PDB file of N, CA and C in Angstrom:
ATOM      1  N   MET A   1       9.130 -18.410 -43.235  1.00  0.00           N
ATOM      2  CA  MET A   1       9.946 -17.340 -42.233  1.00  0.00           C
ATOM      3  C   MET A   1       8.804 -16.266 -42.121  1.00  0.00           C
ATOM      4  N   ARG A   2       8.066 -15.805 -43.019  1.00  0.00           N
ATOM      5  CA  ARG A   2       7.523 -14.460 -42.677  1.00  0.00           C
ATOM      6  C   ARG A   2       6.126 -14.898 -41.533  1.00  0.00           C
ATOM      7  N   HIS A   3       5.596 -16.267 -41.823  1.00  0.00           N
ATOM      8  CA  HIS A   3       4.682 -16.114 -40.724  1.00  0.00           C
ATOM      9  C   HIS A   3       5.307 -16.284 -39.304  1.00  0.00           C
ATOM     10  N   LEU A   4       6.636 -16.769 -39.171  1.00  0.00           N
ATOM     11  CA  LEU A   4       6.967 -16.731 -37.668  1.00  0.00           C
ATOM     12  C   LEU A   4       7.327 -15.610 -37.549  1.00  0.00           C
ATOM     13  N   THR A   5       7.702 -14.558 -38.360  1.00  0.00           N
ATOM     14  CA  THR A   5       8.052 -13.158 -37.611  1.00  0.00           C
ATOM     15  C   THR A   5       6.485 -12.406 -37.295  1.00  0.00           C
ATOM     16  N   ALA A   6       5.652 -12.460 -37.973  1.00  0.00           N
ATOM     17  CA  ALA A   6       4.493 -11.998 -38.034  1.00  0.00           C
ATOM     18  C   ALA A   6       3.953 -13.093 -36.374  1.00  0.00           C
ATOM     19  N   LEU A   7       4.266 -14.276 -36.434  1.00  0.00           N
ATOM     20  CA  LEU A   7       3.675 -14.600 -35.276  1.00  0.00           C
ATOM     21  C   LEU A   7       4.114 -14.318 -34.336  1.00  0.00           C
ATOM     22  N   ALA A   8       5.318 -14.091 -34.287  1.00  0.00           N
ATOM     23  CA  ALA A   8       6.378 -12.977 -32.941  1.00  0.00           C
ATOM     24  C   ALA A   8       5.850 -11.855 -32.355  1.00  0.00           C
ATOM     25  N   PHE A   9       5.805 -11.466 -34.057  1.00  0.00           N
ATOM     26  CA  PHE A   9       5.441  -9.611 -33.537  1.00  0.00           C
ATOM     27  C   PHE A   9       3.863  -9.722 -32.754  1.00  0.00           C
ATOM     28  N   ALA A  10       2.973 -10.717 -33.242  1.00  0.00           N
ATOM     29  CA  ALA A  10       1.544 -10.913 -32.767  1.00  0.00           C
ATOM     30  C   ALA A  10       1.760 -11.295 -31.031  1.00  0.00           C
ATOM     31  N   SER A  11       2.395 -12.121 -30.854  1.00  0.00           N
ATOM     32  CA  SER A  11       2.636 -12.461 -29.587  1.00  0.00           C
ATOM     33  C   SER A  11       2.957 -11.780 -28.692  1.00  0.00           C
ATOM     34  N   VAL A  12       4.079 -10.855 -28.967  1.00  0.00           N
ATOM     35  CA  VAL A  12       4.449  -9.665 -28.433  1.00  0.00           C
ATOM     36  C   VAL A  12       3.176  -8.679 -28.140  1.00  0.00           C
ATOM     37  N   ALA A  13       2.692  -8.316 -29.253  1.00  0.00           N
ATOM     38  CA  ALA A  13       1.879  -7.127 -29.643  1.00  0.00           C
ATOM     39  C   ALA A  13       0.756  -7.445 -27.983  1.00  0.00           C
ATOM     40  N   VAL A  14       0.516  -8.732 -28.193  1.00  0.00           N
ATOM     41  CA  VAL A  14      -0.915  -9.079 -27.097  1.00  0.00           C
ATOM     42  C   VAL A  14      -0.100  -9.068 -25.900  1.00  0.00           C
ATOM     43  N   LEU A  15       0.958  -9.623 -25.853  1.00  0.00           N
ATOM     44  CA  LEU A  15       1.953  -9.376 -24.052  1.00  0.00           C
ATOM     45  C   LEU A  15       1.631  -8.386 -23.588  1.00  0.00           C
ATOM     46  N   ALA A  16       1.954  -7.286 -24.646  1.00  0.00           N
ATOM     47  CA  ALA A  16       2.206  -5.850 -24.307  1.00  0.00           C
ATOM     48  C   ALA A  16       0.783  -5.226 -23.946  1.00  0.00           C
ATOM     49  N   ILE A  17      -0.295  -5.454 -24.436  1.00  0.00           N
ATOM     50  CA  ILE A  17      -1.638  -5.162 -24.706  1.00  0.00           C
ATOM     51  C   ILE A  17      -2.260  -5.581 -22.996  1.00  0.00           C
ATOM     52  N   SER A  18      -2.002  -6.806 -22.786  1.00  0.00           N
ATOM     53  CA  SER A  18      -2.050  -7.579 -21.762  1.00  0.00           C
ATOM     54  C   SER A  18      -1.618  -7.014 -20.698  1.00  0.00           C
ATOM     55  N   GLY A  19      -0.201  -6.476 -20.719  1.00  0.00           N
ATOM     56  CA  GLY A  19       0.427  -5.927 -19.348  1.00  0.00           C
ATOM     57  C   GLY A  19      -0.360  -4.469 -19.202  1.00  0.00           C
ATOM     58  N   CYS A  20      -0.379  -4.005 -20.285  1.00  0.00           N
ATOM     59  CA  CYS A  20      -1.123  -2.641 -19.540  1.00  0.00           C
ATOM     60  C   CYS A  20      -2.303  -2.860 -19.187  1.00  0.00           C
ATOM     61  N   GLU A  21      -3.208  -3.331 -19.148  1.00  0.00           N
ATOM     62  CA  GLU A  21      -4.220  -3.899 -18.719  1.00  0.00           C
ATOM     63  C   GLU A  21      -4.048  -3.649 -17.266  1.00  0.00           C
ATOM     64  N   GLU A  22      -3.098  -4.650 -17.372  1.00  0.00           N
ATOM     65  CA  GLU A  22      -2.585  -5.297 -15.224  1.00  0.00           C
ATOM     66  C   GLU A  22      -2.362  -3.931 -14.694  1.00  0.00           C
ATOM     67  N   ARG A  23      -1.628  -2.981 -15.058  1.00  0.00           N
ATOM     68  CA  ARG A  23      -1.223  -1.843 -14.656  1.00  0.00           C
ATOM     69  C   ARG A  23      -2.076  -1.019 -14.640  1.00  0.00           C
ATOM     70  N   THR A  24      -3.118  -0.850 -14.712  1.00  0.00           N
ATOM     71  CA  THR A  24      -4.044   0.344 -14.743  1.00  0.00           C
ATOM     72  C   THR A  24      -4.592   0.385 -13.228  1.00  0.00           C
ATOM     73  N   ASN A  25      -4.568  -0.514 -12.444  1.00  0.00           N
ATOM     74  CA  ASN A  25      -4.370  -0.276 -10.827  1.00  0.00           C
ATOM     75  C   ASN A  25      -3.435  -0.117 -10.099  1.00  0.00           C
ATOM     76  N   MET A  26      -2.274   0.015 -10.337  1.00  0.00           N
ATOM     77  CA  MET A  26      -1.067   0.055 -10.067  1.00  0.00           C
ATOM     78  C   MET A  26      -1.417   1.742  -9.605  1.00  0.00           C
ATOM     79  N   ARG A  27      -0.346   1.689  -8.503  1.00  0.00           N
ATOM     80  CA  ARG A  27      -0.131   3.298  -8.514  1.00  0.00           C
ATOM     81  C   ARG A  27       1.354   3.489  -8.281  1.00  0.00           C
ATOM     82  N   GLU A  28       1.853   4.418  -8.201  1.00  0.00           N
ATOM     83  CA  GLU A  28       3.035   5.185  -7.822  1.00  0.00           C
ATOM     84  C   GLU A  28       3.257   5.799  -6.417  1.00  0.00           C
ATOM     85  N   LEU A  29       3.718   5.367  -5.488  1.00  0.00           N
ATOM     86  CA  LEU A  29       3.656   6.103  -4.061  1.00  0.00           C
ATOM     87  C   LEU A  29       5.058   6.164  -3.817  1.00  0.00           C
ATOM     88  N   PRO A  30       5.354   7.246  -3.032  1.00  0.00           N
ATOM     89  CA  PRO A  30       6.757   8.130  -2.906  1.00  0.00           C
ATOM     90  C   PRO A  30       7.214   7.305  -1.342  1.00  0.00           C
ATOM     91  N   ASP A  31       8.517   6.661  -1.185  1.00  0.00           N
ATOM     92  CA  ASP A  31       9.333   6.653   0.028  1.00  0.00           C
ATOM     93  C   ASP A  31       9.515   7.648   0.735  1.00  0.00           C
ATOM     94  N   ARG A  32       9.886   7.581   1.606  1.00  0.00           N
ATOM     95  CA  ARG A  32      10.494   8.490   2.517  1.00  0.00           C
ATOM     96  C   ARG A  32      11.810   9.327   1.896  1.00  0.00           C
ATOM     97  N   GLY A  33      12.247   8.906   1.179  1.00  0.00           N
ATOM     98  CA  GLY A  33      13.468   9.240   0.621  1.00  0.00           C
ATOM     99  C   GLY A  33      12.810  10.180  -0.965  1.00  0.00           C
ATOM    100  N   GLY A  34      11.347  10.220  -0.976  1.00  0.00           N
ATOM    101  CA  GLY A  34      11.036  11.035  -2.350  1.00  0.00           C
ATOM    102  C   GLY A  34      11.072   9.862  -3.359  1.00  0.00           C
ATOM    103  N   HIS A  35      11.722   9.101  -3.201  1.00  0.00           N
ATOM    104  CA  HIS A  35      11.878   7.695  -4.667  1.00  0.00           C
ATOM    105  C   HIS A  35      10.218   7.100  -4.708  1.00  0.00           C
ATOM    106  N   ALA A  36       9.713   7.083  -6.170  1.00  0.00           N
ATOM    107  CA  ALA A  36       8.484   6.125  -6.140  1.00  0.00           C
ATOM    108  C   ALA A  36       8.711   4.740  -6.172  1.00  0.00           C
ATOM    109  N   TYR A  37       7.666   4.261  -5.833  1.00  0.00           N
ATOM    110  CA  TYR A  37       7.766   3.028  -6.175  1.00  0.00           C
ATOM    111  C   TYR A  37       6.599   2.395  -6.891  1.00  0.00           C
ATOM    112  N   ARG A  38       6.046   1.294  -7.184  1.00  0.00           N
ATOM    113  CA  ARG A  38       4.547   0.312  -7.649  1.00  0.00           C
ATOM    114  C   ARG A  38       4.214  -0.343  -6.550  1.00  0.00           C
ATOM    115  N   THR A  39       2.862   0.255  -6.819  1.00  0.00           N
ATOM    116  CA  THR A  39       2.167  -0.777  -5.711  1.00  0.00           C
ATOM    117  C   THR A  39       1.569  -2.011  -6.461  1.00  0.00           C
ATOM    118  N   GLY A  40       1.234  -3.280  -5.616  1.00  0.00           N
ATOM    119  CA  GLY A  40       0.978  -4.544  -6.808  1.00  0.00           C
ATOM    120  C   GLY A  40      -0.330  -4.494  -7.002  1.00  0.00           C
ATOM    121  N   GLY A  41      -0.961  -3.420  -6.609  1.00  0.00           N
ATOM    122  CA  GLY A  41      -2.437  -3.656  -7.742  1.00  0.00           C
ATOM    123  C   GLY A  41      -3.797  -3.796  -6.987  1.00  0.00           C
ATOM    124  N   ALA A  42      -3.057  -4.906  -6.121  1.00  0.00           N
ATOM    125  CA  ALA A  42      -4.495  -5.662  -4.604  1.00  0.00           C
ATOM    126  C   ALA A  42      -4.466  -4.630  -3.559  1.00  0.00           C
ATOM    127  N   GLU A  43      -5.129  -3.360  -3.409  1.00  0.00           N
ATOM    128  CA  GLU A  43      -4.784  -2.516  -2.526  1.00  0.00           C
ATOM    129  C   GLU A  43      -5.901  -2.566  -1.820  1.00  0.00           C
ATOM    130  N   ARG A  44      -5.797  -2.294  -0.302  1.00  0.00           N
ATOM    131  CA  ARG A  44      -7.097  -2.113   0.282  1.00  0.00           C
ATOM    132  C   ARG A  44      -7.348  -0.725   0.311  1.00  0.00           C
ATOM    133  N   PRO A  45      -8.923  -0.375   0.948  1.00  0.00           N
ATOM    134  CA  PRO A  45      -9.134   0.904   1.196  1.00  0.00           C
ATOM    135  C   PRO A  45      -8.648   1.437   2.208  1.00  0.00           C
ATOM    136  N   ILE A  46      -8.573   3.161   2.081  1.00  0.00           N
ATOM    137  CA  ILE A  46      -8.113   3.601   3.158  1.00  0.00           C
ATOM    138  C   ILE A  46      -8.873   4.885   3.492  1.00  0.00           C
ATOM    139  N   ASP A  47      -9.103   4.867   4.859  1.00  0.00           N
ATOM    140  CA  ASP A  47      -9.699   5.562   5.200  1.00  0.00           C
ATOM    141  C   ASP A  47      -9.640   7.722   4.543  1.00  0.00           C
ATOM    142  N   ALA A  48     -10.950   7.737   4.556  1.00  0.00           N
ATOM    143  CA  ALA A  48     -10.770   9.134   4.072  1.00  0.00           C
ATOM    144  C   ALA A  48      -9.912  10.081   4.586  1.00  0.00           C
ATOM    145  N   GLY A  49      -8.853  10.386   4.012  1.00  0.00           N
ATOM    146  CA  GLY A  49      -8.261  12.104   4.578  1.00  0.00           C
ATOM    147  C   GLY A  49      -6.647  11.365   5.230  1.00  0.00           C
ATOM    148  N   ALA A  50      -6.855   9.948   5.353  1.00  0.00           N
ATOM    149  CA  ALA A  50      -5.221   9.635   5.698  1.00  0.00           C
ATOM    150  C   ALA A  50      -4.548   9.475   4.386  1.00  0.00           C
ATOM    151  N   LYS A  51      -3.080   9.367   5.321  1.00  0.00           N
ATOM    152  CA  LYS A  51      -2.073   9.551   4.482  1.00  0.00           C
ATOM    153  C   LYS A  51      -1.613   7.998   3.818  1.00  0.00           C
ATOM    154  N   LEU A  52      -1.529   8.595   2.457  1.00  0.00           N
ATOM    155  CA  LEU A  52      -0.461   7.165   1.924  1.00  0.00           C
ATOM    156  C   LEU A  52       0.159   6.542   2.603  1.00  0.00           C
ATOM    157  N   PRO A  53       0.660   5.403   2.893  1.00  0.00           N
ATOM    158  CA  PRO A  53       1.414   4.346   3.417  1.00  0.00           C
ATOM    159  C   PRO A  53       2.953   4.757   2.196  1.00  0.00           C
ATOM    160  N   TYR A  54       4.224   5.305   3.275  1.00  0.00           N
ATOM    161  CA  TYR A  54       5.459   5.249   2.449  1.00  0.00           C
ATOM    162  C   TYR A  54       5.879   3.273   2.002  1.00  0.00           C
ATOM    163  N   ALA A  55       7.112   3.465   1.289  1.00  0.00           N
ATOM    164  CA  ALA A  55       7.480   1.991   1.159  1.00  0.00           C
ATOM    165  C   ALA A  55       7.653   1.036   2.190  1.00  0.00           C
ATOM    166  N   ASP A  56       8.353   1.640   3.114  1.00  0.00           N
ATOM    167  CA  ASP A  56       8.523   0.976   4.537  1.00  0.00           C
ATOM    168  C   ASP A  56       7.694   1.133   5.528  1.00  0.00           C
ATOM    169  N   GLU A  57       6.354   1.229   5.225  1.00  0.00           N
ATOM    170  CA  GLU A  57       4.605   1.023   6.082  1.00  0.00           C
ATOM    171  C   GLU A  57       3.890   0.327   5.002  1.00  0.00           C
ATOM    172  N   LYS A  58       3.037  -0.081   5.882  1.00  0.00           N
ATOM    173  CA  LYS A  58       1.923  -1.155   5.708  1.00  0.00           C
ATOM    174  C   LYS A  58       0.360  -0.560   5.969  1.00  0.00           C
ATOM    175  N   ILE A  59      -0.604  -0.637   5.706  1.00  0.00           N
ATOM    176  CA  ILE A  59      -1.865  -0.450   6.120  1.00  0.00           C
ATOM    177  C   ILE A  59      -2.253  -1.463   7.160  1.00  0.00           C
ATOM    178  N   TYR A  60      -2.398  -1.621   8.352  1.00  0.00           N
ATOM    179  CA  TYR A  60      -2.824  -2.243   9.640  1.00  0.00           C
ATOM    180  C   TYR A  60      -4.170  -2.127   9.911  1.00  0.00           C
ATOM    181  N   ASN A  61      -4.830  -3.192   9.860  1.00  0.00           N
ATOM    182  CA  ASN A  61      -6.732  -3.464  10.088  1.00  0.00           C
ATOM    183  C   ASN A  61      -6.738  -3.698  11.557  1.00  0.00           C
ATOM    184  N   VAL A  62      -7.233  -2.300  12.385  1.00  0.00           N
ATOM    185  CA  VAL A  62      -7.312  -2.877  14.102  1.00  0.00           C
ATOM    186  C   VAL A  62      -8.432  -4.033  13.972  1.00  0.00           C
ATOM    187  N   VAL A  63      -7.868  -4.493  14.547  1.00  0.00           N
ATOM    188  CA  VAL A  63      -9.037  -5.775  15.554  1.00  0.00           C
ATOM    189  C   VAL A  63      -9.871  -5.323  16.691  1.00  0.00           C
ATOM    190  N   ALA A  64      -9.995  -5.774  16.939  1.00  0.00           N
ATOM    191  CA  ALA A  64     -11.178  -5.797  19.007  1.00  0.00           C
ATOM    192  C   ALA A  64     -10.057  -6.009  19.607  1.00  0.00           C
ATOM    193  N   GLY A  65      -9.499  -5.202  20.550  1.00  0.00           N
ATOM    194  CA  GLY A  65      -8.687  -5.527  21.777  1.00  0.00           C
ATOM    195  C   GLY A  65      -7.425  -4.698  21.527  1.00  0.00           C
ATOM    196  N   ASP A  66      -7.207  -4.300  20.106  1.00  0.00           N
ATOM    197  CA  ASP A  66      -6.023  -3.157  19.939  1.00  0.00           C
ATOM    198  C   ASP A  66      -6.214  -1.903  20.624  1.00  0.00           C
ATOM    199  N   ASN A  67      -4.929  -1.609  21.006  1.00  0.00           N
ATOM    200  CA  ASN A  67      -4.934  -0.144  21.676  1.00  0.00           C
ATOM    201  C   ASN A  67      -3.364   0.578  21.254  1.00  0.00           C
ATOM    202  N   LEU A  68      -3.620   1.837  21.291  1.00  0.00           N
ATOM    203  CA  LEU A  68      -2.260   2.363  20.917  1.00  0.00           C
ATOM    204  C   LEU A  68      -1.094   2.089  21.321  1.00  0.00           C
ATOM    205  N   LYS A  69      -1.187   1.382  22.552  1.00  0.00           N
ATOM    206  CA  LYS A  69      -0.312   0.748  23.546  1.00  0.00           C
ATOM    207  C   LYS A  69       0.600  -0.309  23.153  1.00  0.00           C
ATOM    208  N   THR A  70      -0.119  -0.918  22.759  1.00  0.00           N
ATOM    209  CA  THR A  70      -0.249  -2.321  22.427  1.00  0.00           C
ATOM    210  C   THR A  70       0.274  -2.636  21.351  1.00  0.00           C
ATOM    211  N   LEU A  71      -0.298  -1.222  20.157  1.00  0.00           N
ATOM    212  CA  LEU A  71       0.488  -1.579  18.451  1.00  0.00           C
ATOM    213  C   LEU A  71       1.590  -0.762  18.519  1.00  0.00           C
ATOM    214  N   ALA A  72       1.860   0.392  19.201  1.00  0.00           N
ATOM    215  CA  ALA A  72       3.342   0.641  19.594  1.00  0.00           C
ATOM    216  C   ALA A  72       4.333  -0.384  19.898  1.00  0.00           C
ATOM    217  N   LYS A  73       4.153  -0.914  20.811  1.00  0.00           N
ATOM    218  CA  LYS A  73       4.958  -1.860  21.118  1.00  0.00           C
ATOM    219  C   LYS A  73       5.014  -2.785  20.141  1.00  0.00           C
ATOM    220  N   LYS A  74       4.007  -3.211  18.940  1.00  0.00           N
ATOM    221  CA  LYS A  74       4.146  -4.624  18.581  1.00  0.00           C
ATOM    222  C   LYS A  74       5.345  -3.938  17.262  1.00  0.00           C
ATOM    223  N   PHE A  75       4.652  -2.662  17.149  1.00  0.00           N
ATOM    224  CA  PHE A  75       5.590  -2.307  15.574  1.00  0.00           C
ATOM    225  C   PHE A  75       6.820  -1.399  16.132  1.00  0.00           C
ATOM    226  N   SER A  76       7.205  -1.295  17.481  1.00  0.00           N
ATOM    227  CA  SER A  76       8.532  -0.919  17.481  1.00  0.00           C
ATOM    228  C   SER A  76       8.470   0.507  17.323  1.00  0.00           C
ATOM    229  N   VAL A  77       7.007   1.644  17.312  1.00  0.00           N
ATOM    230  CA  VAL A  77       7.014   2.628  17.495  1.00  0.00           C
ATOM    231  C   VAL A  77       6.461   3.516  18.976  1.00  0.00           C
ATOM    232  N   THR A  78       6.459   4.818  18.881  1.00  0.00           N
ATOM    233  CA  THR A  78       5.934   5.567  19.816  1.00  0.00           C
ATOM    234  C   THR A  78       4.570   5.531  19.387  1.00  0.00           C
ATOM    235  N   GLU A  79       3.667   5.343  21.022  1.00  0.00           N
ATOM    236  CA  GLU A  79       2.216   6.158  20.640  1.00  0.00           C
ATOM    237  C   GLU A  79       2.100   7.517  20.037  1.00  0.00           C
ATOM    238  N   ALA A  80       2.620   8.154  19.807  1.00  0.00           N
ATOM    239  CA  ALA A  80       2.992   9.258  19.650  1.00  0.00           C
ATOM    240  C   ALA A  80       2.868   9.713  18.010  1.00  0.00           C
ATOM    241  N   TRP A  81       3.905   8.546  17.817  1.00  0.00           N
ATOM    242  CA  TRP A  81       4.300   8.501  16.110  1.00  0.00           C
ATOM    243  C   TRP A  81       2.765   8.099  15.618  1.00  0.00           C
ATOM    244  N   LEU A  82       2.089   7.002  16.442  1.00  0.00           N
ATOM    245  CA  LEU A  82       0.859   6.198  15.303  1.00  0.00           C
ATOM    246  C   LEU A  82      -0.006   7.602  15.663  1.00  0.00           C
ATOM    247  N   ILE A  83       0.027   8.279  16.250  1.00  0.00           N
ATOM    248  CA  ILE A  83      -0.970   9.309  16.207  1.00  0.00           C
ATOM    249  C   ILE A  83      -0.489  10.363  15.705  1.00  0.00           C
ATOM    250  N   ARG A  84       0.594  10.749  15.229  1.00  0.00           N
ATOM    251  CA  ARG A  84       0.938  11.931  14.093  1.00  0.00           C
ATOM    252  C   ARG A  84       0.332  11.063  12.937  1.00  0.00           C
ATOM    253  N   ARG A  85       1.282  10.142  12.590  1.00  0.00           N
ATOM    254  CA  ARG A  85       1.201   9.527  11.509  1.00  0.00           C
ATOM    255  C   ARG A  85       0.038   9.289  11.056  1.00  0.00           C
ATOM    256  N   ASN A  86      -1.117   8.807  12.006  1.00  0.00           N
ATOM    257  CA  ASN A  86      -2.568   8.455  11.153  1.00  0.00           C
ATOM    258  C   ASN A  86      -3.297   9.645  11.482  1.00  0.00           C
ATOM    259  N   ARG A  87      -2.494  10.622  11.742  1.00  0.00           N
ATOM    260  CA  ARG A  87      -4.104  11.787  12.629  1.00  0.00           C
ATOM    261  C   ARG A  87      -4.883  11.683  13.361  1.00  0.00           C
ATOM    262  N   LEU A  88      -5.001  10.845  14.377  1.00  0.00           N
ATOM    263  CA  LEU A  88      -5.709  10.714  15.386  1.00  0.00           C
ATOM    264  C   LEU A  88      -6.008  11.517  15.740  1.00  0.00           C
ATOM    265  N   ASP A  89      -7.454  12.030  16.481  1.00  0.00           N
ATOM    266  CA  ASP A  89      -8.008  12.769  17.272  1.00  0.00           C
ATOM    267  C   ASP A  89      -8.273  12.237  18.647  1.00  0.00           C
ATOM    268  N   THR A  90      -8.627  11.178  18.875  1.00  0.00           N
ATOM    269  CA  THR A  90      -8.448  10.104  19.905  1.00  0.00           C
ATOM    270  C   THR A  90      -7.639   9.046  20.277  1.00  0.00           C
ATOM    271  N   HIS A  91      -7.589   8.766  21.312  1.00  0.00           N
ATOM    272  CA  HIS A  91      -6.545   7.495  21.629  1.00  0.00           C
ATOM    273  C   HIS A  91      -7.757   6.527  21.226  1.00  0.00           C
ATOM    274  N   VAL A  92      -8.667   6.103  21.686  1.00  0.00           N
ATOM    275  CA  VAL A  92      -9.538   5.288  21.145  1.00  0.00           C
ATOM    276  C   VAL A  92      -9.225   4.383  19.956  1.00  0.00           C
ATOM    277  N   LEU A  93      -9.404   3.295  19.223  1.00  0.00           N
ATOM    278  CA  LEU A  93      -9.203   2.715  18.532  1.00  0.00           C
ATOM    279  C   LEU A  93     -10.194   1.857  18.140  1.00  0.00           C
ATOM    280  N   GLU A  94     -11.000   1.678  16.905  1.00  0.00           N
ATOM    281  CA  GLU A  94     -12.099   0.978  16.880  1.00  0.00           C
ATOM    282  C   GLU A  94     -12.183  -0.088  16.274  1.00  0.00           C
ATOM    283  N   ALA A  95     -12.658  -1.204  16.115  1.00  0.00           N
ATOM    284  CA  ALA A  95     -12.185  -2.732  15.283  1.00  0.00           C
ATOM    285  C   ALA A  95     -12.277  -1.827  13.818  1.00  0.00           C
ATOM    286  N   GLY A  96     -11.683  -2.242  13.051  1.00  0.00           N
ATOM    287  CA  GLY A  96     -12.218  -2.138  11.297  1.00  0.00           C
ATOM    288  C   GLY A  96     -11.418  -1.196  10.869  1.00  0.00           C
ATOM    289  N   GLN A  97     -10.585  -0.165  12.073  1.00  0.00           N
ATOM    290  CA  GLN A  97     -10.183   1.268  11.720  1.00  0.00           C
ATOM    291  C   GLN A  97      -9.061   0.711  10.899  1.00  0.00           C
ATOM    292  N   THR A  98      -8.572   1.624   9.650  1.00  0.00           N
ATOM    293  CA  THR A  98      -7.438   1.001   9.266  1.00  0.00           C
ATOM    294  C   THR A  98      -6.027   2.463   9.845  1.00  0.00           C
ATOM    295  N   LEU A  99      -5.017   2.067   9.976  1.00  0.00           N
ATOM    296  CA  LEU A  99      -3.789   2.586  10.694  1.00  0.00           C
ATOM    297  C   LEU A  99      -2.457   2.302   9.652  1.00  0.00           C
ATOM    298  N   ILE A 100      -1.631   3.082   9.277  1.00  0.00           N
ATOM    299  CA  ILE A 100      -0.408   3.542   8.843  1.00  0.00           C
ATOM    300  C   ILE A 100       0.485   3.004   9.703  1.00  0.00           C
ATOM    301  N   VAL A 101       1.043   1.789   9.883  1.00  0.00           N
ATOM    302  CA  VAL A 101       2.063   1.632  10.732  1.00  0.00           C
ATOM    303  C   VAL A 101       3.393   0.861   9.872  1.00  0.00           C
ATOM    304  N   PRO A 102       4.888   0.495  10.790  1.00  0.00           N
ATOM    305  CA  PRO A 102       5.826   0.246   9.933  1.00  0.00           C
ATOM    306  C   PRO A 102       5.653  -1.045   9.208  1.00  0.00           C
ATOM    307  N   LYS A 103       6.331  -1.179   8.260  1.00  0.00           N
ATOM    308  CA  LYS A 103       6.899  -2.562   7.773  1.00  0.00           C
ATOM    309  C   LYS A 103       7.737  -3.820   8.658  1.00  0.00           C
ATOM    310  N   LYS A 104       7.611  -4.680   9.187  1.00  0.00           N
ATOM    311  CA  LYS A 104       8.188  -5.357  10.262  1.00  0.00           C
ATOM    312  C   LYS A 104       9.793  -5.494   9.369  1.00  0.00           C
TER     313      LYS A 104
END
């Protein structure tokens, strides 16, 4: 019986330790209501100076041919919202640039 108890304890300890390792790359981010949520860990790099997305937003990578008008229509927001939310100084987008957009 002692061996089973020790084995169960060891199994729980191993699972707890391995779970801690997985959580090291997770972050808590606020949603619009100020509540925290955890990211999944597989995160894309964000442009320097960009805000982090809220829970109801995501990171979008600009591809060749994208412009503010088409992206605003695609994500059901205004061009002004995209400019304000992403702190854009210009209306010109470049392929590979990251933007914060609403989740669909």
